[in-house]
Amino acid sequence: MPTITPATVRGIVHSDIGCFRDLYDAYYSYLCGMAVSYVHNFEAAREIVDDVFIRVWERRSRLKYPPLPYLFSAVRNACYNYLRDTKKASGVTLVLMEQLPDCCPYDESEVEDIVRLINEISDSLPQACKEVFTLHYNDGMDTAEIAERLGIAPSTVRVQIKLALDRIREKMKK
């Protein structure tokens, strides 16, 4: 997992695609998880986060260090807009979302520690479980795509994902 430093952000500002990829790799999963917690739809969450990263690249000359507070705020606002525009949230939910702070509830080092721990735990999963978990959460594939690619039943994919998440939850409690 790449560490985002001021040099990484300077690289992005100067159009270094490698630095941008490091930023994307470092925060994509975390931001998708955050977006899912708001919109309750994995595909919509991925689209929202992808759109935020596109905007970051388009406006890269204005990116500041550390980038996580900006990314957090941009994703939160995009989720709010999605819920408002699709009418998938009550007025109360939208009012509560407006009250959320414009900062990340975790500092950057905490997020990096959590992501590192999840990666370590996922590396210790049985091979089949690890492969399904990686295809789903790192590569963004849905159940049907994974089932087709691996030649297994969609129910098997769902079970493997559940097993992986259960193992991660269990280890993170310790």
Protein backbone atom coordinates (compact mmCIF):
# COMPACT_ATOMS: atom_id res chain seq x y z
CA MET A 1 0.00 0.00 0.00
CA PRO A 2 1.51 3.30 -1.04
CA THR A 3 2.08 6.01 1.53
CA ILE A 4 0.84 9.41 0.47
CA THR A 5 3.42 12.09 1.16
CA PRO A 6 3.71 15.75 0.22
CA ALA A 7 5.94 14.57 -2.66
CA THR A 8 3.11 12.35 -3.91
CA VAL A 9 0.75 15.32 -3.97
CA ARG A 10 3.37 17.49 -5.72
CA GLY A 11 3.71 14.73 -8.32
CA ILE A 12 -0.05 14.74 -8.92
CA VAL A 13 -0.06 18.53 -9.23
CA HIS A 14 2.63 18.13 -11.90
CA SER A 15 0.57 15.45 -13.74
CA ASP A 16 2.52 12.40 -12.59
CA ILE A 17 0.11 9.55 -13.31
CA GLY A 18 2.13 7.19 -11.09
CA CYS A 19 1.59 9.44 -8.08
CA PHE A 20 -2.10 9.69 -8.92
CA ARG A 21 -2.29 5.89 -9.08
CA ASP A 22 -0.69 5.74 -5.62
CA LEU A 23 -3.37 8.11 -4.30
CA TYR A 24 -6.10 6.03 -5.92
CA ASP A 25 -4.69 2.75 -4.60
CA ALA A 26 -4.25 4.16 -1.11
CA TYR A 27 -7.78 5.50 -0.63
CA TYR A 28 -10.15 3.92 -3.15
CA SER A 29 -11.34 1.04 -0.95
CA TYR A 30 -11.72 3.23 2.13
CA LEU A 31 -13.72 5.84 0.21
CA CYS A 32 -15.93 3.18 -1.38
CA GLY A 33 -16.66 1.79 2.06
CA MET A 34 -17.54 5.22 3.31
CA ALA A 35 -19.78 5.87 0.29
CA VAL A 36 -21.57 2.53 0.72
CA SER A 37 -22.35 3.48 4.31
CA TYR A 38 -24.21 6.54 2.95
CA VAL A 39 -25.89 5.28 -0.23
CA HIS A 40 -26.27 1.56 0.63
CA ASN A 41 -25.48 0.56 -2.95
CA PHE A 42 -22.04 -0.80 -3.85
CA GLU A 43 -22.23 0.03 -7.56
CA ALA A 44 -23.42 3.58 -6.91
CA ALA A 45 -20.70 4.03 -4.29
CA ARG A 46 -17.99 2.90 -6.73
CA GLU A 47 -19.33 5.29 -9.36
CA ILE A 48 -19.37 8.16 -6.88
CA VAL A 49 -15.77 7.51 -5.80
CA ASP A 50 -14.63 7.10 -9.41
CA ASP A 51 -16.22 10.44 -10.26
CA VAL A 52 -14.46 12.09 -7.32
CA PHE A 53 -11.09 10.76 -8.50
CA ILE A 54 -11.81 12.01 -12.03
CA ARG A 55 -12.51 15.47 -10.62
CA VAL A 56 -9.32 15.31 -8.56
CA TRP A 57 -7.32 14.59 -11.71
CA GLU A 58 -9.09 17.33 -13.66
CA ARG A 59 -8.39 19.84 -10.86
CA ARG A 60 -5.04 18.39 -9.79
CA SER A 61 -3.30 21.77 -9.83
CA ARG A 62 -5.32 22.73 -6.74
CA LEU A 63 -4.71 19.55 -4.73
CA LYS A 64 -3.22 20.13 -1.28
CA TYR A 65 -1.54 17.89 1.28
CA PRO A 66 -2.94 15.94 3.05
CA PRO A 67 -5.52 14.92 0.43
CA LEU A 68 -7.73 12.69 2.59
CA PRO A 69 -9.85 15.46 4.18
CA TYR A 70 -10.64 16.80 0.71
CA LEU A 71 -11.42 13.31 -0.63
CA PHE A 72 -13.62 12.57 2.38
CA SER A 73 -15.56 15.79 1.95
CA ALA A 74 -15.90 15.35 -1.83
CA VAL A 75 -17.24 11.80 -1.46
CA ARG A 76 -19.63 12.81 1.32
CA ASN A 77 -20.98 15.67 -0.79
CA ALA A 78 -21.28 13.45 -3.87
CA CYS A 79 -23.22 10.90 -1.81
CA TYR A 80 -25.51 13.64 -0.56
CA ASN A 81 -26.11 14.78 -4.14
CA TYR A 82 -26.78 11.21 -5.26
CA LEU A 83 -29.32 10.64 -2.49
CA ARG A 84 -31.00 13.99 -3.14
CA ASP A 85 -31.14 13.54 -6.91
CA THR A 86 -32.34 9.93 -6.84
CA LYS A 87 -34.79 10.62 -4.01
CA LYS A 88 -33.43 7.56 -2.18
CA ALA A 89 -33.23 9.27 1.17
CA SER A 90 -35.74 10.97 3.40
CA GLY A 91 -35.54 14.67 4.11
CA VAL A 92 -34.37 13.83 7.62
CA THR A 93 -31.44 11.80 6.27
CA LEU A 94 -30.42 14.64 3.98
CA VAL A 95 -30.61 17.18 6.81
CA LEU A 96 -28.46 14.92 9.00
CA MET A 97 -25.93 14.49 6.19
CA GLU A 98 -25.71 18.27 5.85
CA GLN A 99 -24.71 18.39 9.52
CA LEU A 100 -21.75 16.02 9.08
CA PRO A 101 -18.37 17.67 9.50
CA ASP A 102 -16.26 18.43 6.43
CA CYS A 103 -13.39 16.38 7.75
CA CYS A 104 -12.47 12.78 7.92
CA PRO A 105 -13.40 11.15 11.24
CA TYR A 106 -10.04 9.35 11.23
CA ASP A 107 -6.65 10.82 10.74
CA GLU A 108 -4.63 9.61 7.78
CA SER A 109 -2.34 7.35 9.79
CA GLU A 110 -5.33 5.58 11.35
CA VAL A 111 -6.79 4.92 7.91
CA GLU A 112 -3.44 3.62 6.67
CA ASP A 113 -3.20 1.33 9.71
CA ILE A 114 -6.71 -0.03 9.14
CA VAL A 115 -6.09 -0.62 5.44
CA ARG A 116 -2.76 -2.30 6.21
CA LEU A 117 -4.45 -4.56 8.79
CA ILE A 118 -7.22 -5.51 6.34
CA ASN A 119 -4.60 -6.31 3.70
CA GLU A 120 -2.66 -8.48 6.17
CA ILE A 121 -5.80 -10.33 7.20
CA SER A 122 -6.92 -10.82 3.60
CA ASP A 123 -3.45 -12.19 2.76
CA SER A 124 -3.96 -14.86 5.44
CA LEU A 125 -7.30 -16.06 4.00
CA PRO A 126 -7.52 -19.44 2.29
CA GLN A 127 -6.56 -19.07 -1.38
CA ALA A 128 -10.09 -19.39 -2.85
CA CYS A 129 -11.53 -16.97 -0.30
CA LYS A 130 -8.69 -14.51 -0.82
CA GLU A 131 -9.14 -14.61 -4.61
CA VAL A 132 -12.88 -13.88 -4.38
CA PHE A 133 -12.31 -11.13 -1.80
CA THR A 134 -9.63 -9.49 -3.95
CA LEU A 135 -11.71 -9.64 -7.12
CA HIS A 136 -14.68 -8.13 -5.33
CA TYR A 137 -13.10 -5.39 -3.22
CA ASN A 138 -9.87 -4.56 -5.05
CA ASP A 139 -10.96 -5.12 -8.65
CA GLY A 140 -14.57 -4.07 -8.12
CA MET A 141 -16.14 -7.12 -9.72
CA ASP A 142 -19.68 -8.10 -8.77
CA THR A 143 -20.84 -11.57 -7.77
CA ALA A 144 -21.89 -12.64 -11.27
CA GLU A 145 -18.60 -11.49 -12.83
CA ILE A 146 -16.56 -13.35 -10.22
CA ALA A 147 -18.65 -16.50 -10.59
CA GLU A 148 -18.21 -16.46 -14.36
CA ARG A 149 -14.49 -15.74 -14.18
CA LEU A 150 -13.78 -18.47 -11.64
CA GLY A 151 -16.34 -20.95 -12.94
CA ILE A 152 -18.18 -21.21 -9.62
CA ALA A 153 -21.75 -20.58 -8.50
CA PRO A 154 -22.76 -17.04 -7.48
CA SER A 155 -23.85 -18.46 -4.11
CA THR A 156 -20.30 -19.74 -3.59
CA VAL A 157 -18.97 -16.25 -4.31
CA ARG A 158 -21.35 -14.73 -1.75
CA VAL A 159 -20.34 -17.32 0.86
CA GLN A 160 -16.62 -16.67 0.25
CA ILE A 161 -17.14 -12.90 0.60
CA LYS A 162 -19.08 -13.42 3.83
CA LEU A 163 -16.37 -15.72 5.19
CA ALA A 164 -13.69 -13.16 4.36
CA LEU A 165 -15.61 -10.30 5.98
CA ASP A 166 -16.34 -12.42 9.06
CA ARG A 167 -12.65 -13.26 9.41
CA ILE A 168 -11.67 -9.60 9.00
CA ARG A 169 -14.25 -8.46 11.58
CA GLU A 170 -13.11 -11.15 14.00
CA LYS A 171 -9.41 -10.25 13.68
CA MET A 172 -10.06 -6.51 13.88
CA LYS A 173 -11.87 -6.92 17.21
CA LYS A 174 -8.67 -8.29 18.75
